[in-house]
PDB file of N, CA and C in Angstrom:
ATOM      1  N   MET A   1     -30.828 -81.429  18.655  1.00  0.00           N
ATOM      2  CA  MET A   1     -29.706 -81.123  17.931  1.00  0.00           C
ATOM      3  C   MET A   1     -28.430 -80.815  18.682  1.00  0.00           C
ATOM      4  N   HIS A   2     -27.629 -81.588  18.301  1.00  0.00           N
ATOM      5  CA  HIS A   2     -26.136 -81.466  18.439  1.00  0.00           C
ATOM      6  C   HIS A   2     -25.399 -80.803  17.885  1.00  0.00           C
ATOM      7  N   ARG A   3     -24.778 -80.113  17.894  1.00  0.00           N
ATOM      8  CA  ARG A   3     -23.854 -79.095  17.240  1.00  0.00           C
ATOM      9  C   ARG A   3     -22.514 -79.343  17.561  1.00  0.00           C
ATOM     10  N   GLU A   4     -21.956 -79.342  16.504  1.00  0.00           N
ATOM     11  CA  GLU A   4     -20.167 -79.933  16.688  1.00  0.00           C
ATOM     12  C   GLU A   4     -19.492 -78.845  16.886  1.00  0.00           C
ATOM     13  N   ARG A   5     -18.648 -79.054  17.972  1.00  0.00           N
ATOM     14  CA  ARG A   5     -17.527 -77.987  18.025  1.00  0.00           C
ATOM     15  C   ARG A   5     -16.274 -78.162  17.168  1.00  0.00           C
ATOM     16  N   LYS A   6     -15.664 -77.416  16.583  1.00  0.00           N
ATOM     17  CA  LYS A   6     -14.679 -77.301  16.376  1.00  0.00           C
ATOM     18  C   LYS A   6     -13.211 -77.191  16.988  1.00  0.00           C
ATOM     19  N   LEU A   7     -12.155 -77.445  17.226  1.00  0.00           N
ATOM     20  CA  LEU A   7     -10.954 -77.569  17.969  1.00  0.00           C
ATOM     21  C   LEU A   7      -9.565 -76.823  17.175  1.00  0.00           C
ATOM     22  N   THR A   8      -9.339 -75.703  17.901  1.00  0.00           N
ATOM     23  CA  THR A   8      -8.289 -75.127  17.108  1.00  0.00           C
ATOM     24  C   THR A   8      -6.855 -75.750  17.331  1.00  0.00           C
ATOM     25  N   PRO A   9      -5.787 -75.207  16.831  1.00  0.00           N
ATOM     26  CA  PRO A   9      -4.501 -76.444  16.848  1.00  0.00           C
ATOM     27  C   PRO A   9      -3.713 -76.325  18.266  1.00  0.00           C
ATOM     28  N   PHE A  10      -4.315 -75.223  19.317  1.00  0.00           N
ATOM     29  CA  PHE A  10      -4.055 -75.468  20.612  1.00  0.00           C
ATOM     30  C   PHE A  10      -4.819 -76.182  21.372  1.00  0.00           C
ATOM     31  N   GLY A  11      -6.199 -76.681  21.012  1.00  0.00           N
ATOM     32  CA  GLY A  11      -6.908 -77.674  21.494  1.00  0.00           C
ATOM     33  C   GLY A  11      -8.259 -76.915  22.167  1.00  0.00           C
ATOM     34  N   ALA A  12      -8.086 -75.587  22.081  1.00  0.00           N
ATOM     35  CA  ALA A  12      -9.529 -74.702  22.773  1.00  0.00           C
ATOM     36  C   ALA A  12     -10.150 -74.766  21.502  1.00  0.00           C
ATOM     37  N   ALA A  13     -11.373 -74.644  21.995  1.00  0.00           N
ATOM     38  CA  ALA A  13     -12.884 -74.868  21.108  1.00  0.00           C
ATOM     39  C   ALA A  13     -13.151 -73.425  20.395  1.00  0.00           C
ATOM     40  N   SER A  14     -13.690 -73.099  19.164  1.00  0.00           N
ATOM     41  CA  SER A  14     -13.637 -72.293  18.415  1.00  0.00           C
ATOM     42  C   SER A  14     -14.961 -72.173  18.073  1.00  0.00           C
ATOM     43  N   ALA A  15     -15.843 -71.404  18.062  1.00  0.00           N
ATOM     44  CA  ALA A  15     -17.126 -71.131  17.471  1.00  0.00           C
ATOM     45  C   ALA A  15     -17.225 -70.738  16.252  1.00  0.00           C
ATOM     46  N   ALA A  16     -15.978 -69.757  16.099  1.00  0.00           N
ATOM     47  CA  ALA A  16     -16.028 -69.458  14.519  1.00  0.00           C
ATOM     48  C   ALA A  16     -15.540 -70.290  13.601  1.00  0.00           C
ATOM     49  N   PRO A  17     -15.852 -70.610  12.250  1.00  0.00           N
ATOM     50  CA  PRO A  17     -15.031 -71.478  11.381  1.00  0.00           C
ATOM     51  C   PRO A  17     -13.781 -70.930  11.007  1.00  0.00           C
ATOM     52  N   ILE A  18     -13.035 -71.426  10.712  1.00  0.00           N
ATOM     53  CA  ILE A  18     -11.581 -71.672  10.205  1.00  0.00           C
ATOM     54  C   ILE A  18     -11.511 -70.868   8.956  1.00  0.00           C
ATOM     55  N   ALA A  19     -11.035 -69.625   8.879  1.00  0.00           N
ATOM     56  CA  ALA A  19     -10.764 -68.734   7.635  1.00  0.00           C
ATOM     57  C   ALA A  19      -9.222 -68.419   7.228  1.00  0.00           C
ATOM     58  N   PRO A  20      -8.960 -68.335   6.058  1.00  0.00           N
ATOM     59  CA  PRO A  20      -7.635 -67.807   5.619  1.00  0.00           C
ATOM     60  C   PRO A  20      -7.523 -66.709   6.280  1.00  0.00           C
ATOM     61  N   VAL A  21      -6.445 -66.216   6.868  1.00  0.00           N
ATOM     62  CA  VAL A  21      -5.730 -64.881   6.901  1.00  0.00           C
ATOM     63  C   VAL A  21      -5.117 -64.247   5.814  1.00  0.00           C
ATOM     64  N   HIS A  22      -5.984 -62.898   5.385  1.00  0.00           N
ATOM     65  CA  HIS A  22      -5.649 -62.240   4.202  1.00  0.00           C
ATOM     66  C   HIS A  22      -4.384 -61.185   4.887  1.00  0.00           C
ATOM     67  N   HIS A  23      -3.844 -60.917   3.750  1.00  0.00           N
ATOM     68  CA  HIS A  23      -2.765 -59.980   3.873  1.00  0.00           C
ATOM     69  C   HIS A  23      -3.266 -58.746   4.358  1.00  0.00           C
ATOM     70  N   VAL A  24      -2.961 -57.793   5.301  1.00  0.00           N
ATOM     71  CA  VAL A  24      -3.317 -56.634   5.413  1.00  0.00           C
ATOM     72  C   VAL A  24      -2.336 -55.909   5.222  1.00  0.00           C
ATOM     73  N   PRO A  25      -2.501 -54.556   4.131  1.00  0.00           N
ATOM     74  CA  PRO A  25      -1.227 -53.897   4.341  1.00  0.00           C
ATOM     75  C   PRO A  25      -1.406 -53.099   5.718  1.00  0.00           C
ATOM     76  N   LEU A  26      -0.033 -52.460   5.744  1.00  0.00           N
ATOM     77  CA  LEU A  26       0.601 -51.996   6.624  1.00  0.00           C
ATOM     78  C   LEU A  26       0.218 -50.448   6.854  1.00  0.00           C
ATOM     79  N   SER A  27      -0.199 -49.227   7.737  1.00  0.00           N
ATOM     80  CA  SER A  27      -0.525 -48.236   7.760  1.00  0.00           C
ATOM     81  C   SER A  27       0.979 -47.028   7.269  1.00  0.00           C
ATOM     82  N   PRO A  28       0.171 -46.425   7.072  1.00  0.00           N
ATOM     83  CA  PRO A  28       1.138 -45.292   6.993  1.00  0.00           C
ATOM     84  C   PRO A  28       2.452 -45.009   7.803  1.00  0.00           C
ATOM     85  N   ARG A  29       1.849 -44.965   8.868  1.00  0.00           N
ATOM     86  CA  ARG A  29       2.629 -44.891  10.077  1.00  0.00           C
ATOM     87  C   ARG A  29       3.576 -46.042  10.646  1.00  0.00           C
ATOM     88  N   GLU A  30       3.094 -47.507  10.157  1.00  0.00           N
ATOM     89  CA  GLU A  30       3.994 -48.549  10.577  1.00  0.00           C
ATOM     90  C   GLU A  30       5.273 -48.289   9.157  1.00  0.00           C
ATOM     91  N   LEU A  31       4.702 -48.016   8.233  1.00  0.00           N
ATOM     92  CA  LEU A  31       5.994 -47.959   6.897  1.00  0.00           C
ATOM     93  C   LEU A  31       6.480 -47.086   7.094  1.00  0.00           C
ATOM     94  N   ARG A  32       6.396 -45.744   7.579  1.00  0.00           N
ATOM     95  CA  ARG A  32       7.357 -44.812   8.621  1.00  0.00           C
ATOM     96  C   ARG A  32       8.215 -45.349   9.333  1.00  0.00           C
ATOM     97  N   ALA A  33       7.369 -46.088  10.487  1.00  0.00           N
ATOM     98  CA  ALA A  33       8.439 -46.097  11.468  1.00  0.00           C
ATOM     99  C   ALA A  33       9.746 -47.394  10.982  1.00  0.00           C
ATOM    100  N   GLN A  34       9.042 -48.219   9.945  1.00  0.00           N
ATOM    101  CA  GLN A  34      10.192 -49.295   9.432  1.00  0.00           C
ATOM    102  C   GLN A  34      11.200 -48.695   8.566  1.00  0.00           C
ATOM    103  N   ALA A  35      10.979 -47.697   7.625  1.00  0.00           N
ATOM    104  CA  ALA A  35      11.729 -46.961   6.951  1.00  0.00           C
ATOM    105  C   ALA A  35      12.825 -45.939   7.949  1.00  0.00           C
ATOM    106  N   VAL A  36      12.044 -45.787   8.924  1.00  0.00           N
ATOM    107  CA  VAL A  36      13.206 -45.086   9.879  1.00  0.00           C
ATOM    108  C   VAL A  36      14.575 -45.892  10.914  1.00  0.00           C
ATOM    109  N   TYR A  37      13.474 -47.401  10.560  1.00  0.00           N
ATOM    110  CA  TYR A  37      14.877 -48.294  11.793  1.00  0.00           C
ATOM    111  C   TYR A  37      15.715 -48.869  10.879  1.00  0.00           C
ATOM    112  N   ARG A  38      15.125 -48.604   9.626  1.00  0.00           N
ATOM    113  CA  ARG A  38      16.010 -49.165   8.356  1.00  0.00           C
ATOM    114  C   ARG A  38      17.284 -48.060   8.060  1.00  0.00           C
ATOM    115  N   LEU A  39      16.801 -46.991   8.302  1.00  0.00           N
ATOM    116  CA  LEU A  39      17.950 -45.667   8.021  1.00  0.00           C
ATOM    117  C   LEU A  39      18.533 -45.848   9.170  1.00  0.00           C
ATOM    118  N   GLN A  40      18.055 -46.244  10.446  1.00  0.00           N
ATOM    119  CA  GLN A  40      18.900 -45.768  11.454  1.00  0.00           C
ATOM    120  C   GLN A  40      20.137 -47.181  11.546  1.00  0.00           C
ATOM    121  N   VAL A  41      19.446 -48.390  11.077  1.00  0.00           N
ATOM    122  CA  VAL A  41      20.484 -49.182  11.056  1.00  0.00           C
ATOM    123  C   VAL A  41      21.910 -49.101  10.049  1.00  0.00           C
ATOM    124  N   GLY A  42      21.391 -48.896   8.958  1.00  0.00           N
ATOM    125  CA  GLY A  42      22.047 -48.131   7.789  1.00  0.00           C
ATOM    126  C   GLY A  42      23.260 -47.551   8.435  1.00  0.00           C
ATOM    127  N   LEU A  43      22.974 -46.333   8.773  1.00  0.00           N
ATOM    128  CA  LEU A  43      23.694 -45.157   9.687  1.00  0.00           C
ATOM    129  C   LEU A  43      24.698 -45.866  10.286  1.00  0.00           C
ATOM    130  N   PHE A  44      23.772 -46.438  11.258  1.00  0.00           N
ATOM    131  CA  PHE A  44      25.049 -46.973  12.417  1.00  0.00           C
ATOM    132  C   PHE A  44      26.040 -47.927  12.042  1.00  0.00           C
ATOM    133  N   GLY A  45      25.410 -49.015  10.693  1.00  0.00           N
ATOM    134  CA  GLY A  45      26.623 -49.962  10.098  1.00  0.00           C
ATOM    135  C   GLY A  45      27.458 -49.019   9.676  1.00  0.00           C
ATOM    136  N   LEU A  46      27.050 -47.796   9.022  1.00  0.00           N
ATOM    137  CA  LEU A  46      28.240 -47.062   7.828  1.00  0.00           C
ATOM    138  C   LEU A  46      29.088 -46.429   8.919  1.00  0.00           C
ATOM    139  N   GLY A  47      28.640 -46.124  10.106  1.00  0.00           N
ATOM    140  CA  GLY A  47      29.266 -45.446  11.319  1.00  0.00           C
ATOM    141  C   GLY A  47      30.786 -46.286  11.593  1.00  0.00           C
ATOM    142  N   GLY A  48      30.007 -47.430  11.828  1.00  0.00           N
ATOM    143  CA  GLY A  48      30.831 -48.514  12.319  1.00  0.00           C
ATOM    144  C   GLY A  48      31.744 -48.992  11.668  1.00  0.00           C
ATOM    145  N   ILE A  49      31.668 -48.916  10.103  1.00  0.00           N
ATOM    146  CA  ILE A  49      32.687 -49.512   9.142  1.00  0.00           C
ATOM    147  C   ILE A  49      33.636 -48.398   8.850  1.00  0.00           C
ATOM    148  N   ILE A  50      33.338 -46.789   9.354  1.00  0.00           N
ATOM    149  CA  ILE A  50      34.477 -45.738   9.087  1.00  0.00           C
ATOM    150  C   ILE A  50      35.527 -45.607   9.992  1.00  0.00           C
ATOM    151  N   LEU A  51      34.335 -45.815  11.615  1.00  0.00           N
ATOM    152  CA  LEU A  51      35.380 -46.042  12.370  1.00  0.00           C
ATOM    153  C   LEU A  51      36.312 -47.245  12.482  1.00  0.00           C
ATOM    154  N   LEU A  52      36.060 -48.541  11.873  1.00  0.00           N
ATOM    155  CA  LEU A  52      37.156 -49.344  11.890  1.00  0.00           C
ATOM    156  C   LEU A  52      38.078 -48.957  10.923  1.00  0.00           C
ATOM    157  N   ILE A  53      37.725 -48.328   9.876  1.00  0.00           N
ATOM    158  CA  ILE A  53      38.645 -48.123   9.088  1.00  0.00           C
ATOM    159  C   ILE A  53      39.868 -46.988   9.431  1.00  0.00           C
ATOM    160  N   SER A  54      39.119 -45.954   9.989  1.00  0.00           N
ATOM    161  CA  SER A  54      40.041 -44.742  10.391  1.00  0.00           C
ATOM    162  C   SER A  54      40.882 -45.698  11.804  1.00  0.00           C
ATOM    163  N   LEU A  55      40.651 -46.455  12.657  1.00  0.00           N
ATOM    164  CA  LEU A  55      41.195 -47.092  13.542  1.00  0.00           C
ATOM    165  C   LEU A  55      42.808 -47.785  12.477  1.00  0.00           C
ATOM    166  N   ALA A  56      42.422 -48.423  11.457  1.00  0.00           N
ATOM    167  CA  ALA A  56      43.108 -48.982  10.831  1.00  0.00           C
ATOM    168  C   ALA A  56      44.335 -48.075  10.440  1.00  0.00           C
ATOM    169  N   ASN A  57      43.822 -47.206   9.923  1.00  0.00           N
ATOM    170  CA  ASN A  57      44.590 -46.056   9.068  1.00  0.00           C
ATOM    171  C   ASN A  57      45.940 -45.635  10.722  1.00  0.00           C
ATOM    172  N   VAL A  58      45.177 -45.482  11.499  1.00  0.00           N
ATOM    173  CA  VAL A  58      45.804 -44.824  12.671  1.00  0.00           C
ATOM    174  C   VAL A  58      47.049 -45.959  13.035  1.00  0.00           C
ATOM    175  N   VAL A  59      46.894 -47.147  13.265  1.00  0.00           N
ATOM    176  CA  VAL A  59      47.363 -48.358  13.135  1.00  0.00           C
ATOM    177  C   VAL A  59      48.932 -48.120  12.042  1.00  0.00           C
ATOM    178  N   MET A  60      48.022 -48.138  11.124  1.00  0.00           N
ATOM    179  CA  MET A  60      49.049 -48.118  10.013  1.00  0.00           C
ATOM    180  C   MET A  60      50.135 -47.212   9.814  1.00  0.00           C
ATOM    181  N   GLU A  61      49.814 -45.572  10.319  1.00  0.00           N
ATOM    182  CA  GLU A  61      50.499 -44.811  10.158  1.00  0.00           C
ATOM    183  C   GLU A  61      51.702 -44.940  11.556  1.00  0.00           C
ATOM    184  N   ARG A  62      51.415 -45.410  12.568  1.00  0.00           N
ATOM    185  CA  ARG A  62      51.827 -45.659  13.845  1.00  0.00           C
ATOM    186  C   ARG A  62      53.410 -46.434  13.361  1.00  0.00           C
ATOM    187  N   VAL A  63      52.877 -47.255  12.504  1.00  0.00           N
ATOM    188  CA  VAL A  63      53.761 -48.655  12.266  1.00  0.00           C
ATOM    189  C   VAL A  63      54.958 -47.568  11.293  1.00  0.00           C
ATOM    190  N   THR A  64      54.244 -47.336  10.553  1.00  0.00           N
ATOM    191  CA  THR A  64      54.796 -46.646   9.461  1.00  0.00           C
ATOM    192  C   THR A  64      55.909 -45.635  10.190  1.00  0.00           C
ATOM    193  N   LEU A  65      55.573 -45.130  10.774  1.00  0.00           N
ATOM    194  CA  LEU A  65      56.441 -43.863  11.407  1.00  0.00           C
ATOM    195  C   LEU A  65      57.586 -44.428  12.639  1.00  0.00           C
ATOM    196  N   ALA A  66      56.892 -45.679  13.165  1.00  0.00           N
ATOM    197  CA  ALA A  66      58.439 -46.459  13.897  1.00  0.00           C
ATOM    198  C   ALA A  66      59.357 -47.246  13.032  1.00  0.00           C
ATOM    199  N   ASN A  67      58.998 -47.727  11.820  1.00  0.00           N
ATOM    200  CA  ASN A  67      59.714 -48.379  10.862  1.00  0.00           C
ATOM    201  C   ASN A  67      60.719 -47.140  10.393  1.00  0.00           C
ATOM    202  N   ARG A  68      59.929 -45.844  10.273  1.00  0.00           N
ATOM    203  CA  ARG A  68      61.159 -45.008   9.394  1.00  0.00           C
ATOM    204  C   ARG A  68      62.157 -44.514  10.380  1.00  0.00           C
ATOM    205  N   ALA A  69      61.720 -44.763  11.910  1.00  0.00           N
ATOM    206  CA  ALA A  69      62.370 -43.778  12.941  1.00  0.00           C
ATOM    207  C   ALA A  69      63.503 -44.871  13.189  1.00  0.00           C
ATOM    208  N   ALA A  70      63.082 -46.346  12.928  1.00  0.00           N
ATOM    209  CA  ALA A  70      64.368 -47.142  13.476  1.00  0.00           C
ATOM    210  C   ALA A  70      64.985 -47.179  12.552  1.00  0.00           C
ATOM    211  N   ALA A  71      64.661 -47.041  11.081  1.00  0.00           N
ATOM    212  CA  ALA A  71      65.556 -47.291   9.962  1.00  0.00           C
ATOM    213  C   ALA A  71      66.362 -45.668   9.945  1.00  0.00           C
ATOM    214  N   LEU A  72      66.306 -44.821  10.376  1.00  0.00           N
ATOM    215  CA  LEU A  72      66.908 -43.240  10.362  1.00  0.00           C
ATOM    216  C   LEU A  72      67.717 -43.235  11.515  1.00  0.00           C
ATOM    217  N   ASP A  73      67.725 -44.054  12.759  1.00  0.00           N
ATOM    218  CA  ASP A  73      68.301 -43.888  13.740  1.00  0.00           C
ATOM    219  C   ASP A  73      69.597 -44.669  14.113  1.00  0.00           C
ATOM    220  N   PRO A  74      71.055 -43.869  13.503  1.00  0.00           N
ATOM    221  CA  PRO A  74      72.052 -44.364  13.413  1.00  0.00           C
ATOM    222  C   PRO A  74      72.878 -45.111  14.818  1.00  0.00           C
ATOM    223  N   THR A  75      72.068 -45.009  15.811  1.00  0.00           N
ATOM    224  CA  THR A  75      72.420 -45.830  17.437  1.00  0.00           C
ATOM    225  C   THR A  75      72.209 -46.898  17.195  1.00  0.00           C
ATOM    226  N   VAL A  76      71.262 -47.742  16.378  1.00  0.00           N
ATOM    227  CA  VAL A  76      71.043 -48.763  16.292  1.00  0.00           C
ATOM    228  C   VAL A  76      71.925 -49.640  15.595  1.00  0.00           C
ATOM    229  N   GLU A  77      72.320 -50.397  15.730  1.00  0.00           N
ATOM    230  CA  GLU A  77      73.521 -51.407  15.164  1.00  0.00           C
ATOM    231  C   GLU A  77      72.687 -52.704  15.143  1.00  0.00           C
ATOM    232  N   ALA A  78      72.899 -53.574  14.077  1.00  0.00           N
ATOM    233  CA  ALA A  78      72.478 -54.985  13.851  1.00  0.00           C
ATOM    234  C   ALA A  78      73.456 -56.118  14.993  1.00  0.00           C
ATOM    235  N   SER A  79      72.813 -56.554  15.549  1.00  0.00           N
ATOM    236  CA  SER A  79      73.853 -57.148  16.687  1.00  0.00           C
ATOM    237  C   SER A  79      73.911 -58.593  15.761  1.00  0.00           C
ATOM    238  N   ALA A  80      75.408 -58.907  16.470  1.00  0.00           N
ATOM    239  CA  ALA A  80      75.667 -60.372  15.973  1.00  0.00           C
ATOM    240  C   ALA A  80      74.726 -61.426  16.544  1.00  0.00           C
ATOM    241  N   THR A  81      74.398 -61.158  17.858  1.00  0.00           N
ATOM    242  CA  THR A  81      73.623 -62.417  18.401  1.00  0.00           C
ATOM    243  C   THR A  81      72.551 -62.436  17.842  1.00  0.00           C
ATOM    244  N   ALA A  82      71.901 -63.606  18.200  1.00  0.00           N
ATOM    245  CA  ALA A  82      70.203 -63.781  17.787  1.00  0.00           C
ATOM    246  C   ALA A  82      69.166 -62.449  18.854  1.00  0.00           C
ATOM    247  N   ALA A  83      68.316 -62.283  18.180  1.00  0.00           N
ATOM    248  CA  ALA A  83      67.370 -61.551  19.055  1.00  0.00           C
ATOM    249  C   ALA A  83      66.801 -62.183  20.435  1.00  0.00           C
ATOM    250  N   ASN A  84      66.827 -61.061  21.366  1.00  0.00           N
ATOM    251  CA  ASN A  84      65.858 -61.698  22.475  1.00  0.00           C
ATOM    252  C   ASN A  84      64.645 -62.929  22.088  1.00  0.00           C
ATOM    253  N   ASP A  85      64.612 -63.834  23.226  1.00  0.00           N
ATOM    254  CA  ASP A  85      63.662 -64.671  22.788  1.00  0.00           C
ATOM    255  C   ASP A  85      62.411 -64.282  23.963  1.00  0.00           C
ATOM    256  N   PRO A  86      60.981 -63.812  23.604  1.00  0.00           N
ATOM    257  CA  PRO A  86      60.099 -63.508  24.620  1.00  0.00           C
ATOM    258  C   PRO A  86      59.871 -64.535  25.613  1.00  0.00           C
ATOM    259  N   LEU A  87      60.119 -65.468  25.088  1.00  0.00           N
ATOM    260  CA  LEU A  87      59.736 -66.853  26.080  1.00  0.00           C
ATOM    261  C   LEU A  87      60.556 -66.898  27.217  1.00  0.00           C
ATOM    262  N   VAL A  88      62.069 -66.738  26.700  1.00  0.00           N
ATOM    263  CA  VAL A  88      63.145 -66.932  27.693  1.00  0.00           C
ATOM    264  C   VAL A  88      62.942 -65.314  28.576  1.00  0.00           C
ATOM    265  N   ASP A  89      62.444 -63.972  28.049  1.00  0.00           N
ATOM    266  CA  ASP A  89      62.404 -62.934  28.471  1.00  0.00           C
ATOM    267  C   ASP A  89      61.032 -63.463  29.959  1.00  0.00           C
ATOM    268  N   MET A  90      60.302 -64.028  29.361  1.00  0.00           N
ATOM    269  CA  MET A  90      59.116 -64.319  30.646  1.00  0.00           C
ATOM    270  C   MET A  90      59.406 -65.156  31.571  1.00  0.00           C
ATOM    271  N   GLY A  91      60.114 -66.328  31.408  1.00  0.00           N
ATOM    272  CA  GLY A  91      60.744 -67.391  32.250  1.00  0.00           C
ATOM    273  C   GLY A  91      60.252 -68.470  31.794  1.00  0.00           C
ATOM    274  N   VAL A  92      59.563 -68.727  30.758  1.00  0.00           N
ATOM    275  CA  VAL A  92      58.381 -69.573  30.523  1.00  0.00           C
ATOM    276  C   VAL A  92      59.521 -71.067  29.690  1.00  0.00           C
ATOM    277  N   ALA A  93      60.484 -70.238  28.812  1.00  0.00           N
ATOM    278  CA  ALA A  93      61.652 -71.291  28.355  1.00  0.00           C
ATOM    279  C   ALA A  93      62.982 -71.089  28.883  1.00  0.00           C
ATOM    280  N   PRO A  94      63.650 -72.258  28.984  1.00  0.00           N
ATOM    281  CA  PRO A  94      65.231 -72.019  28.890  1.00  0.00           C
ATOM    282  C   PRO A  94      65.788 -71.252  28.260  1.00  0.00           C
ATOM    283  N   GLU A  95      66.993 -71.052  28.541  1.00  0.00           N
ATOM    284  CA  GLU A  95      67.783 -70.078  27.752  1.00  0.00           C
ATOM    285  C   GLU A  95      68.462 -71.080  26.860  1.00  0.00           C
ATOM    286  N   LEU A  96      68.738 -71.015  25.769  1.00  0.00           N
ATOM    287  CA  LEU A  96      69.690 -71.915  25.159  1.00  0.00           C
ATOM    288  C   LEU A  96      70.511 -71.227  24.465  1.00  0.00           C
ATOM    289  N   PRO A  97      72.048 -71.631  24.209  1.00  0.00           N
ATOM    290  CA  PRO A  97      72.674 -71.115  23.482  1.00  0.00           C
ATOM    291  C   PRO A  97      72.813 -71.080  21.905  1.00  0.00           C
ATOM    292  N   VAL A  98      73.061 -69.550  21.222  1.00  0.00           N
ATOM    293  CA  VAL A  98      72.330 -69.369  19.917  1.00  0.00           C
ATOM    294  C   VAL A  98      73.277 -70.257  18.935  1.00  0.00           C
ATOM    295  N   GLY A  99      75.087 -69.889  19.148  1.00  0.00           N
ATOM    296  CA  GLY A  99      75.800 -70.319  18.055  1.00  0.00           C
ATOM    297  C   GLY A  99      76.301 -71.689  18.349  1.00  0.00           C
ATOM    298  N   ALA A 100      76.572 -71.918  19.568  1.00  0.00           N
ATOM    299  CA  ALA A 100      77.194 -73.112  19.983  1.00  0.00           C
ATOM    300  C   ALA A 100      76.208 -74.519  19.953  1.00  0.00           C
ATOM    301  N   ALA A 101      77.021 -75.289  19.654  1.00  0.00           N
ATOM    302  CA  ALA A 101      76.182 -76.759  19.493  1.00  0.00           C
ATOM    303  C   ALA A 101      76.242 -77.521  20.989  1.00  0.00           C
ATOM    304  N   PRO A 102      75.274 -78.382  20.940  1.00  0.00           N
ATOM    305  CA  PRO A 102      75.467 -78.902  22.673  1.00  0.00           C
ATOM    306  C   PRO A 102      76.644 -79.486  22.884  1.00  0.00           C
ATOM    307  N   ALA A 103      77.003 -79.485  23.650  1.00  0.00           N
ATOM    308  CA  ALA A 103      78.267 -80.273  24.035  1.00  0.00           C
ATOM    309  C   ALA A 103      77.985 -81.974  23.958  1.00  0.00           C
ATOM    310  N   GLN A 104      78.765 -82.668  23.538  1.00  0.00           N
ATOM    311  CA  GLN A 104      78.558 -83.875  23.437  1.00  0.00           C
ATOM    312  C   GLN A 104      80.024 -84.502  23.910  1.00  0.00           C
ATOM    313  N   GLN A 105      79.313 -85.661  24.601  1.00  0.00           N
ATOM    314  CA  GLN A 105      80.553 -86.434  25.525  1.00  0.00           C
ATOM    315  C   GLN A 105      81.314 -87.346  24.847  1.00  0.00           C
ATOM    316  N   ASN A 106      82.262 -87.568  24.578  1.00  0.00           N
ATOM    317  CA  ASN A 106      83.027 -88.600  24.082  1.00  0.00           C
ATOM    318  C   ASN A 106      82.561 -89.971  24.943  1.00  0.00           C
ATOM    319  N   PRO A 107      82.131 -90.729  23.872  1.00  0.00           N
ATOM    320  CA  PRO A 107      82.264 -92.254  25.139  1.00  0.00           C
ATOM    321  C   PRO A 107      83.128 -92.837  25.610  1.00  0.00           C
ATOM    322  N   ASN A 108      84.367 -92.808  24.965  1.00  0.00           N
ATOM    323  CA  ASN A 108      85.642 -93.187  25.187  1.00  0.00           C
ATOM    324  C   ASN A 108      86.181 -92.591  26.778  1.00  0.00           C
ATOM    325  N   GLN A 109      85.923 -91.397  26.792  1.00  0.00           N
ATOM    326  CA  GLN A 109      86.275 -90.523  28.196  1.00  0.00           C
ATOM    327  C   GLN A 109      85.306 -91.093  29.204  1.00  0.00           C
ATOM    328  N   GLN A 110      86.248 -91.280  30.416  1.00  0.00           N
ATOM    329  CA  GLN A 110      85.721 -92.090  31.667  1.00  0.00           C
ATOM    330  C   GLN A 110      86.156 -91.099  32.735  1.00  0.00           C
ATOM    331  N   HIS A 111      85.222 -90.517  33.494  1.00  0.00           N
ATOM    332  CA  HIS A 111      85.396 -90.008  34.798  1.00  0.00           C
ATOM    333  C   HIS A 111      86.266 -90.627  35.759  1.00  0.00           C
TER     334      HIS A 111
END
C-alpha cells in the first residue's frame, strides 16, 4: 500500500486534503478595533485639513495687511528707475543699464 502525498504550493508535503478557505466573520473586538482605527484616521485627516486652511488664512491676512500698509504709506513713491533685480543683488547676474541702449561702435571710426 503506497499512499500518495500531495505537495502544497511551497513544496512541503501535506497530509490534509486541500480544501477551500471559507470567510470567517470578524469578532466584535476586531470590528470595534477597525471602527476606532477608521475614526482616528478620519479625525487626524480632518485636523490636518483645518490646520492647512488656518495657515493659508494667516498668510492671506498678512499679505493683505502688507498691501494696505504699502498703499497708505505716503513716503513710498514710484521710482523712475526699474526695480532692483534680485539676481544682481545676489551677484549672480551682471548689472545692465535699464533705459540706455548698448553703445554701438561706428565701423567708420578707427582708433
